[in-house]
Amino acid sequence: MQILKKIFNDKGISLAAAWSFNQLAYAIVYPFIPIYLCNDRGFDYSTVSIIFPLLGLAAILAPLPCGWLTDKLGCSFMMLAGQLARGGVFFILALAVYMNAPFWLLALLLMLNTAVGAAFQVGSDAYLFHISSLDERPSYYSKIRIGFNIGWALGPMAGAFFARTPFWLFFIMTGILCVIGTFYTEFACCRNLEKVKLAAVDKINTSNRNIFADVFGNRKFLLLLTGTLLLTMLVSQLYSTLSVYSTKYVGISSKELGMVYSLNGFMVLALQIPLIALLTKIKMPVVWQLLLGTFLYAAGYFQLGFALNVFYIAAAVAVITLGEIIIQPSLYTAVSVQTVKENAGRMFSVYSLMRGIGYAVGPWIGGQLFGRCKPLELWGILTLFAVAGGIFFIFGGRKDKKD
């Protein structure tokens, strides 16, 4: 009971647990979708691979309308509606799979699932902005990242455990998880706040502020968004270009590659909170945290150009993970400094949009370079995205005299 009481009283942990439910539901089924479509339904992989750019397109199109709805209807509403709607789409997917629906219908439903998932993400970003002070945000965001990684780690394990069950049952389970997550979020995150705080979070926006002026008239915000886009193009290589490069060029096995990715997850779980707490304790400015994280990203990815075996790959991923641990909370914090309360949902939706574009475009760029460049050239060119992103972070994250 004491543990549950602590969870419900800590706003960061409560939101992190909500993220765990949300991510667990997605991670249970996502890795097995291509397997089902190829092995069970007999679709050619060239056809199945169309799913991934379509999901990327949904991730790009969804944030902006979700941001508008967040400012109009409230953060709590969007988090609850996003989870509940995703659960509903999962149940429809279960029916579609049970009835052997055509590929185009499954693709559309998966795109819709990704789109409604953006409602929870954008609502959560704005929600965290409203309930936390500037000093609290790195710590809260670190807890959310741990919740995210727990969900992503447990999902494939649960999916593998139920691998012999009919695939439609996967979607039933994930739909139920979304419904449970909705009730949890309502109780732990929405009802458990002080009334004044909740009113501030869910107040319908009646201001006359111009979102275009808040975004395009804010030079620092635009600089941070540009840096985010550039850095995400590099970050997206971790599960795309790196997996192909490690197995085909360096020659490590799929099992060894899985262990490398596990290292990434375990490092986040073990170091995310203490490392951010250390940076907070020594009062490292956010702009320096951004530069340190970007440098580690660049160093780790560039190191891949010299990889000879799994140990080289693991060492590079360890450096990359340290960069990830440092930069994700600091980047959210830097963006929040430039965010206007009345338009928080829409401004964070633009931030999500930049990340979505980076994750969609980055793997394509890596794939084009992979077939044309030597290893050092490949990772050297990709590392330039971090260098360019770091330059934008310098000017977007630093304090001016007037600040």
Protein backbone atom coordinates (compact mmCIF):
# COMPACT_ATOMS: atom_id res chain seq x y z
CA MET A 1 0.00 0.00 0.00
CA GLN A 2 2.84 2.38 0.81
CA ILE A 3 4.31 1.83 -2.67
CA LEU A 4 0.95 2.53 -4.34
CA LYS A 5 0.48 5.62 -2.17
CA LYS A 6 3.92 6.89 -3.17
CA ILE A 7 3.16 6.31 -6.86
CA PHE A 8 -0.13 8.21 -6.69
CA ASN A 9 1.41 11.07 -4.72
CA ASP A 10 4.34 11.51 -7.10
CA LYS A 11 3.07 13.23 -10.24
CA GLY A 12 6.14 12.19 -12.23
CA ILE A 13 5.82 8.51 -11.31
CA SER A 14 2.05 8.56 -11.95
CA LEU A 15 2.58 9.93 -15.44
CA ALA A 16 5.44 7.47 -16.04
CA ALA A 17 3.16 4.56 -15.12
CA ALA A 18 0.51 5.88 -17.53
CA TRP A 19 3.18 5.89 -20.24
CA SER A 20 4.06 2.29 -19.35
CA PHE A 21 0.48 1.18 -20.00
CA ASN A 22 0.37 3.12 -23.25
CA GLN A 23 3.68 1.80 -24.53
CA LEU A 24 3.16 -1.76 -23.32
CA ALA A 25 -0.06 -2.03 -25.34
CA TYR A 26 1.77 -0.90 -28.47
CA ALA A 27 4.94 -2.94 -27.91
CA ILE A 28 3.13 -6.24 -27.41
CA VAL A 29 1.88 -6.32 -30.97
CA TYR A 30 4.10 -4.00 -33.04
CA PRO A 31 7.14 -6.31 -33.54
CA PHE A 32 4.90 -9.19 -34.64
CA ILE A 33 2.80 -7.36 -37.25
CA PRO A 34 5.24 -8.01 -40.16
CA ILE A 35 5.56 -11.66 -39.09
CA TYR A 36 1.78 -12.11 -39.11
CA LEU A 37 1.32 -10.40 -42.48
CA CYS A 38 4.14 -12.37 -44.14
CA ASN A 39 3.88 -15.79 -42.51
CA ASP A 40 0.19 -16.11 -41.64
CA ARG A 41 -1.37 -14.11 -44.45
CA GLY A 42 1.23 -14.77 -47.13
CA PHE A 43 1.82 -11.17 -48.21
CA ASP A 44 5.14 -10.43 -49.90
CA TYR A 45 7.53 -8.43 -47.72
CA SER A 46 7.78 -5.72 -50.38
CA THR A 47 4.06 -5.19 -49.82
CA VAL A 48 4.27 -5.47 -46.03
CA SER A 49 7.10 -2.91 -45.90
CA ILE A 50 4.66 -0.25 -47.12
CA ILE A 51 3.19 -0.31 -43.60
CA PHE A 52 6.23 1.48 -42.12
CA PRO A 53 6.17 4.68 -44.22
CA LEU A 54 2.40 4.77 -43.77
CA LEU A 55 2.82 4.68 -39.99
CA GLY A 56 5.45 7.39 -40.34
CA LEU A 57 2.99 9.49 -42.34
CA ALA A 58 0.37 9.07 -39.61
CA ALA A 59 2.91 10.12 -36.98
CA ILE A 60 3.62 13.28 -39.01
CA LEU A 61 0.00 14.24 -39.72
CA ALA A 62 -1.50 13.56 -36.28
CA PRO A 63 0.35 15.87 -33.82
CA LEU A 64 -0.89 19.25 -35.10
CA PRO A 65 -4.64 18.53 -34.83
CA CYS A 66 -3.97 16.79 -31.50
CA GLY A 67 -2.20 19.92 -30.25
CA TRP A 68 -5.15 22.11 -31.25
CA LEU A 69 -7.58 19.78 -29.47
CA THR A 70 -5.34 19.73 -26.39
CA ASP A 71 -5.53 23.51 -26.06
CA LYS A 72 -9.29 23.50 -26.67
CA LEU A 73 -10.39 20.47 -24.65
CA GLY A 74 -7.64 20.06 -22.04
CA CYS A 75 -4.66 17.81 -21.43
CA SER A 76 -6.50 15.29 -19.26
CA PHE A 77 -9.22 14.84 -21.87
CA MET A 78 -6.66 14.18 -24.61
CA MET A 79 -4.68 11.67 -22.57
CA LEU A 80 -7.84 9.75 -21.68
CA ALA A 81 -9.40 10.03 -25.13
CA GLY A 82 -6.14 8.97 -26.79
CA GLN A 83 -5.82 5.81 -24.72
CA LEU A 84 -9.49 4.90 -24.98
CA ALA A 85 -9.60 5.54 -28.74
CA ARG A 86 -6.47 3.45 -29.23
CA GLY A 87 -8.10 0.62 -27.29
CA GLY A 88 -11.15 0.89 -29.55
CA VAL A 89 -8.99 0.70 -32.67
CA PHE A 90 -7.21 -2.37 -31.25
CA PHE A 91 -10.59 -4.10 -30.79
CA ILE A 92 -11.54 -3.26 -34.38
CA LEU A 93 -8.17 -4.63 -35.52
CA ALA A 94 -8.88 -7.85 -33.64
CA LEU A 95 -12.14 -8.22 -35.57
CA ALA A 96 -10.40 -7.36 -38.85
CA VAL A 97 -7.68 -9.98 -38.26
CA TYR A 98 -10.27 -12.57 -37.21
CA MET A 99 -12.14 -11.99 -40.49
CA ASN A 100 -8.93 -11.99 -42.60
CA ALA A 101 -9.49 -8.40 -43.72
CA PRO A 102 -7.65 -7.19 -46.83
CA PHE A 103 -4.22 -5.62 -46.52
CA TRP A 104 -5.42 -2.07 -47.29
CA LEU A 105 -7.93 -2.15 -44.44
CA LEU A 106 -5.34 -3.42 -41.96
CA ALA A 107 -2.93 -0.69 -43.11
CA LEU A 108 -5.57 2.03 -42.62
CA LEU A 109 -6.46 0.76 -39.15
CA LEU A 110 -2.78 0.65 -38.14
CA MET A 111 -2.36 4.24 -39.37
CA LEU A 112 -5.42 5.27 -37.35
CA ASN A 113 -3.96 3.52 -34.30
CA THR A 114 -0.74 5.51 -34.65
CA ALA A 115 -2.68 8.76 -35.12
CA VAL A 116 -4.83 8.39 -31.99
CA GLY A 117 -1.71 7.39 -30.06
CA ALA A 118 -0.37 10.87 -30.78
CA ALA A 119 -3.26 12.32 -28.76
CA PHE A 120 -1.89 10.77 -25.57
CA GLN A 121 1.68 11.88 -26.33
CA VAL A 122 0.84 15.51 -27.11
CA GLY A 123 -1.59 15.69 -24.19
CA SER A 124 1.06 14.24 -21.87
CA ASP A 125 3.74 16.71 -23.03
CA ALA A 126 1.44 19.68 -22.40
CA TYR A 127 0.18 18.15 -19.14
CA LEU A 128 3.72 17.82 -17.81
CA PHE A 129 4.41 21.43 -18.77
CA HIS A 130 1.41 22.63 -16.76
CA ILE A 131 1.92 20.58 -13.58
CA SER A 132 5.68 21.09 -13.15
CA SER A 133 8.06 23.92 -12.52
CA LEU A 134 11.09 24.47 -14.74
CA ASP A 135 13.37 22.84 -12.15
CA GLU A 136 11.11 19.80 -11.80
CA ARG A 137 10.78 19.01 -15.51
CA PRO A 138 14.09 17.15 -16.07
CA SER A 139 13.32 14.82 -13.15
CA TYR A 140 9.71 14.25 -14.21
CA TYR A 141 10.68 13.66 -17.81
CA SER A 142 13.36 11.17 -16.70
CA LYS A 143 10.71 9.16 -14.86
CA ILE A 144 8.51 9.19 -17.96
CA ARG A 145 11.40 7.83 -20.04
CA ILE A 146 11.82 4.97 -17.57
CA GLY A 147 8.09 4.23 -17.77
CA PHE A 148 8.32 4.29 -21.56
CA ASN A 149 11.28 1.89 -21.58
CA ILE A 150 9.63 -0.51 -19.11
CA GLY A 151 6.60 -0.74 -21.39
CA TRP A 152 8.77 -1.22 -24.46
CA ALA A 153 10.89 -3.91 -22.71
CA LEU A 154 7.95 -5.92 -21.37
CA GLY A 155 5.86 -5.70 -24.55
CA PRO A 156 7.89 -7.97 -26.87
CA MET A 157 8.43 -10.42 -23.99
CA ALA A 158 4.67 -10.68 -23.46
CA GLY A 159 4.12 -10.95 -27.21
CA ALA A 160 6.62 -13.79 -27.50
CA PHE A 161 4.93 -15.59 -24.59
CA PHE A 162 1.58 -15.52 -26.40
CA ALA A 163 3.14 -16.20 -29.81
CA ARG A 164 1.22 -19.45 -30.32
CA THR A 165 -2.17 -17.87 -29.72
CA PRO A 166 -4.30 -16.54 -32.62
CA PHE A 167 -3.03 -13.14 -33.70
CA TRP A 168 -6.43 -11.48 -33.22
CA LEU A 169 -6.05 -12.26 -29.51
CA PHE A 170 -3.00 -9.96 -29.42
CA PHE A 171 -5.21 -7.02 -30.31
CA ILE A 172 -7.81 -8.03 -27.73
CA MET A 173 -5.12 -8.00 -25.03
CA THR A 174 -3.71 -4.65 -26.13
CA GLY A 175 -7.21 -3.17 -26.31
CA ILE A 176 -7.90 -4.29 -22.74
CA LEU A 177 -4.57 -2.81 -21.61
CA CYS A 178 -5.54 0.54 -23.16
CA VAL A 179 -8.86 0.51 -21.31
CA ILE A 180 -7.09 -0.31 -18.02
CA GLY A 181 -4.55 2.42 -18.76
CA THR A 182 -7.36 4.91 -19.32
CA PHE A 183 -8.88 4.21 -15.90
CA TYR A 184 -5.45 4.36 -14.29
CA THR A 185 -4.63 7.71 -15.92
CA GLU A 186 -8.00 9.12 -14.86
CA PHE A 187 -7.47 8.07 -11.24
CA ALA A 188 -3.73 8.63 -10.80
CA CYS A 189 -3.04 11.60 -13.07
CA CYS A 190 -6.29 13.50 -13.58
CA ARG A 191 -8.20 13.17 -10.32
CA ASN A 192 -5.22 13.16 -8.01
CA LEU A 193 -4.15 16.75 -8.64
CA GLU A 194 -5.02 19.77 -6.54
CA LYS A 195 -8.20 21.40 -7.84
CA VAL A 196 -6.36 24.60 -8.68
CA LYS A 197 -3.74 22.72 -10.65
CA LEU A 198 -6.34 20.64 -12.48
CA ALA A 199 -8.30 23.74 -13.42
CA ALA A 200 -5.16 25.32 -14.82
CA VAL A 201 -4.30 22.22 -16.83
CA ASP A 202 -7.74 21.68 -18.30
CA LYS A 203 -8.87 25.28 -18.75
CA ILE A 204 -10.28 25.68 -22.25
CA ASN A 205 -8.20 28.16 -24.17
CA THR A 206 -10.14 31.36 -24.68
CA SER A 207 -7.14 33.60 -25.27
CA ASN A 208 -6.62 35.55 -28.45
CA ARG A 209 -2.98 34.50 -28.73
CA ASN A 210 -1.87 33.73 -32.26
CA ILE A 211 -0.24 30.30 -32.48
CA PHE A 212 1.63 31.30 -35.64
CA ALA A 213 3.16 34.28 -33.86
CA ASP A 214 4.09 32.13 -30.85
CA VAL A 215 5.83 29.60 -33.12
CA PHE A 216 7.24 31.56 -36.04
CA GLY A 217 7.81 34.73 -34.05
CA ASN A 218 9.93 32.92 -31.47
CA ARG A 219 13.45 32.61 -32.87
CA LYS A 220 14.72 30.37 -30.08
CA PHE A 221 11.77 28.01 -30.40
CA LEU A 222 12.45 27.64 -34.13
CA LEU A 223 16.16 27.04 -33.50
CA LEU A 224 15.36 24.30 -30.98
CA LEU A 225 12.87 22.71 -33.38
CA THR A 226 15.45 22.71 -36.18
CA GLY A 227 18.03 21.15 -33.89
CA THR A 228 15.47 18.54 -32.84
CA LEU A 229 14.76 17.63 -36.46
CA LEU A 230 18.45 17.29 -37.33
CA LEU A 231 19.34 15.27 -34.24
CA THR A 232 16.34 12.95 -34.67
CA MET A 233 17.52 12.10 -38.18
CA LEU A 234 20.64 10.67 -36.54
CA VAL A 235 18.85 9.10 -33.55
CA SER A 236 16.53 7.20 -35.91
CA GLN A 237 19.51 5.21 -37.23
CA LEU A 238 19.71 3.16 -34.01
CA TYR A 239 16.98 0.70 -34.99
CA SER A 240 17.27 1.01 -38.76
CA THR A 241 20.71 1.50 -40.32
CA LEU A 242 22.59 0.17 -37.30
CA SER A 243 20.77 -3.17 -37.32
CA VAL A 244 21.57 -3.79 -41.00
CA TYR A 245 25.13 -2.48 -40.68
CA SER A 246 25.86 -4.62 -37.60
CA THR A 247 24.62 -7.89 -39.08
CA LYS A 248 25.59 -7.50 -42.74
CA TYR A 249 28.84 -5.53 -42.56
CA VAL A 250 30.32 -6.16 -39.10
CA GLY A 251 28.92 -9.70 -39.09
CA ILE A 252 27.41 -10.00 -35.61
CA SER A 253 24.50 -12.38 -35.06
CA SER A 254 20.88 -11.38 -34.50
CA LYS A 255 21.18 -12.65 -30.93
CA GLU A 256 24.21 -10.42 -30.29
CA LEU A 257 22.35 -7.48 -31.82
CA GLY A 258 19.44 -8.13 -29.44
CA MET A 259 21.86 -8.04 -26.52
CA VAL A 260 23.22 -4.69 -27.73
CA TYR A 261 19.71 -3.24 -27.82
CA SER A 262 19.06 -4.70 -24.37
CA LEU A 263 22.14 -2.83 -23.15
CA ASN A 264 20.52 0.40 -24.34
CA GLY A 265 17.35 -0.35 -22.40
CA PHE A 266 19.08 -1.43 -19.20
CA MET A 267 21.32 1.65 -19.20
CA VAL A 268 18.28 3.93 -19.48
CA LEU A 269 16.54 2.14 -16.62
CA ALA A 270 19.64 2.21 -14.40
CA LEU A 271 21.12 5.64 -15.15
CA GLN A 272 18.32 7.95 -16.31
CA ILE A 273 17.25 9.28 -12.91
CA PRO A 274 20.65 9.35 -11.10
CA LEU A 275 22.48 10.97 -14.02
CA ILE A 276 19.89 13.73 -14.43
CA ALA A 277 19.86 14.20 -10.64
CA LEU A 278 23.64 14.64 -10.75
CA LEU A 279 23.44 17.26 -13.51
CA THR A 280 20.75 19.06 -11.53
CA LYS A 281 22.84 18.94 -8.37
CA ILE A 282 25.88 20.49 -10.02
CA LYS A 283 23.56 23.03 -11.68
CA MET A 284 24.74 22.41 -15.22
CA PRO A 285 22.90 24.86 -17.51
CA VAL A 286 20.42 23.30 -19.91
CA VAL A 287 22.36 24.50 -22.96
CA TRP A 288 25.47 22.69 -21.71
CA GLN A 289 23.42 19.55 -21.13
CA LEU A 290 22.22 19.80 -24.71
CA LEU A 291 25.77 20.16 -25.99
CA LEU A 292 27.08 17.32 -23.82
CA GLY A 293 24.29 14.99 -24.98
CA THR A 294 24.81 15.98 -28.62
CA PHE A 295 28.56 15.42 -28.33
CA LEU A 296 28.02 11.92 -26.89
CA TYR A 297 25.56 11.11 -29.68
CA ALA A 298 28.07 12.27 -32.30
CA ALA A 299 30.98 10.41 -30.66
CA GLY A 300 29.01 7.16 -30.36
CA TYR A 301 27.71 7.12 -33.92
CA PHE A 302 31.08 8.13 -35.37
CA GLN A 303 32.69 5.30 -33.38
CA LEU A 304 30.54 2.83 -35.33
CA GLY A 305 32.66 3.55 -38.40
CA PHE A 306 35.55 1.69 -36.72
CA ALA A 307 33.51 -1.29 -35.49
CA LEU A 308 35.09 -4.72 -35.93
CA ASN A 309 32.93 -6.91 -33.68
CA VAL A 310 30.06 -6.90 -31.21
CA PHE A 311 32.18 -5.29 -28.48
CA TYR A 312 32.85 -2.24 -30.65
CA ILE A 313 29.13 -2.00 -31.41
CA ALA A 314 28.21 -2.35 -27.73
CA ALA A 315 30.72 0.31 -26.68
CA ALA A 316 29.37 2.73 -29.29
CA VAL A 317 25.77 2.08 -28.24
CA ALA A 318 26.74 2.67 -24.60
CA VAL A 319 28.09 6.12 -25.52
CA ILE A 320 24.98 6.82 -27.63
CA THR A 321 22.76 5.82 -24.71
CA LEU A 322 24.53 8.24 -22.38
CA GLY A 323 23.82 10.99 -24.89
CA GLU A 324 20.19 9.87 -25.07
CA ILE A 325 19.84 9.91 -21.27
CA ILE A 326 21.18 13.45 -21.02
CA ILE A 327 19.63 15.15 -24.02
CA GLN A 328 16.01 13.97 -23.97
CA PRO A 329 15.01 15.61 -20.63
CA SER A 330 17.15 18.69 -21.29
CA LEU A 331 15.67 19.18 -24.76
CA TYR A 332 12.12 18.95 -23.40
CA THR A 333 13.07 21.47 -20.72
CA ALA A 334 14.62 23.86 -23.26
CA VAL A 335 11.51 23.67 -25.45
CA SER A 336 9.25 24.23 -22.43
CA VAL A 337 11.09 27.47 -21.60
CA GLN A 338 9.98 28.87 -24.98
CA THR A 339 6.43 27.50 -24.70
CA VAL A 340 3.45 29.77 -24.07
CA LYS A 341 0.93 28.39 -21.57
CA GLU A 342 -2.17 29.23 -23.60
CA ASN A 343 -0.80 27.45 -26.68
CA ALA A 344 1.20 24.69 -24.94
CA GLY A 345 -0.62 21.84 -26.70
CA ARG A 346 -0.06 23.26 -30.17
CA MET A 347 3.54 24.25 -29.51
CA PHE A 348 4.42 20.80 -28.20
CA SER A 349 2.60 19.29 -31.15
CA VAL A 350 5.02 21.12 -33.47
CA TYR A 351 7.86 19.67 -31.39
CA SER A 352 6.33 16.18 -31.86
CA LEU A 353 5.96 16.90 -35.57
CA MET A 354 9.69 17.60 -35.92
CA ARG A 355 10.51 14.33 -34.19
CA GLY A 356 8.04 12.48 -36.41
CA ILE A 357 9.61 13.89 -39.56
CA GLY A 358 13.08 13.02 -38.30
CA TYR A 359 12.12 9.42 -37.54
CA ALA A 360 10.44 9.09 -40.93
CA VAL A 361 13.18 10.68 -43.05
CA GLY A 362 16.28 9.58 -41.11
CA PRO A 363 16.14 5.83 -41.90
CA TRP A 364 15.60 6.59 -45.59
CA ILE A 365 18.72 8.79 -45.64
CA GLY A 366 20.69 6.11 -43.79
CA GLY A 367 19.51 3.48 -46.26
CA GLN A 368 20.59 5.58 -49.22
CA LEU A 369 24.05 6.17 -47.75
CA PHE A 370 24.49 2.55 -46.67
CA GLY A 371 24.70 1.23 -50.21
CA ARG A 372 26.97 4.02 -51.45
CA CYS A 373 29.48 4.75 -48.68
CA LYS A 374 32.24 3.02 -46.81
CA PRO A 375 31.63 2.57 -43.06
CA LEU A 376 33.62 5.60 -41.93
CA GLU A 377 32.02 7.75 -44.61
CA LEU A 378 28.54 6.45 -43.72
CA TRP A 379 28.75 7.23 -40.02
CA GLY A 380 30.81 10.36 -40.54
CA ILE A 381 28.12 11.89 -42.77
CA LEU A 382 25.32 10.84 -40.42
CA THR A 383 27.21 12.28 -37.44
CA LEU A 384 27.12 15.70 -39.13
CA PHE A 385 23.40 15.82 -38.28
CA ALA A 386 24.34 15.88 -34.59
CA VAL A 387 27.00 18.54 -35.18
CA ALA A 388 24.51 20.74 -37.04
CA GLY A 389 21.85 20.10 -34.40
CA GLY A 390 24.27 21.09 -31.65
CA ILE A 391 24.93 24.44 -33.35
CA PHE A 392 21.20 25.18 -33.40
CA PHE A 393 20.93 24.13 -29.74
CA ILE A 394 23.67 26.61 -28.78
CA PHE A 395 21.69 29.56 -30.09
CA GLY A 396 18.28 28.19 -29.14
CA GLY A 397 19.09 27.10 -25.60
CA ARG A 398 21.35 29.87 -24.34
CA LYS A 399 20.05 32.70 -22.16
CA ASP A 400 20.11 36.22 -23.53
CA LYS A 401 20.71 39.21 -21.30
CA LYS A 402 17.05 40.15 -21.54
CA ASP A 403 16.12 36.64 -20.32
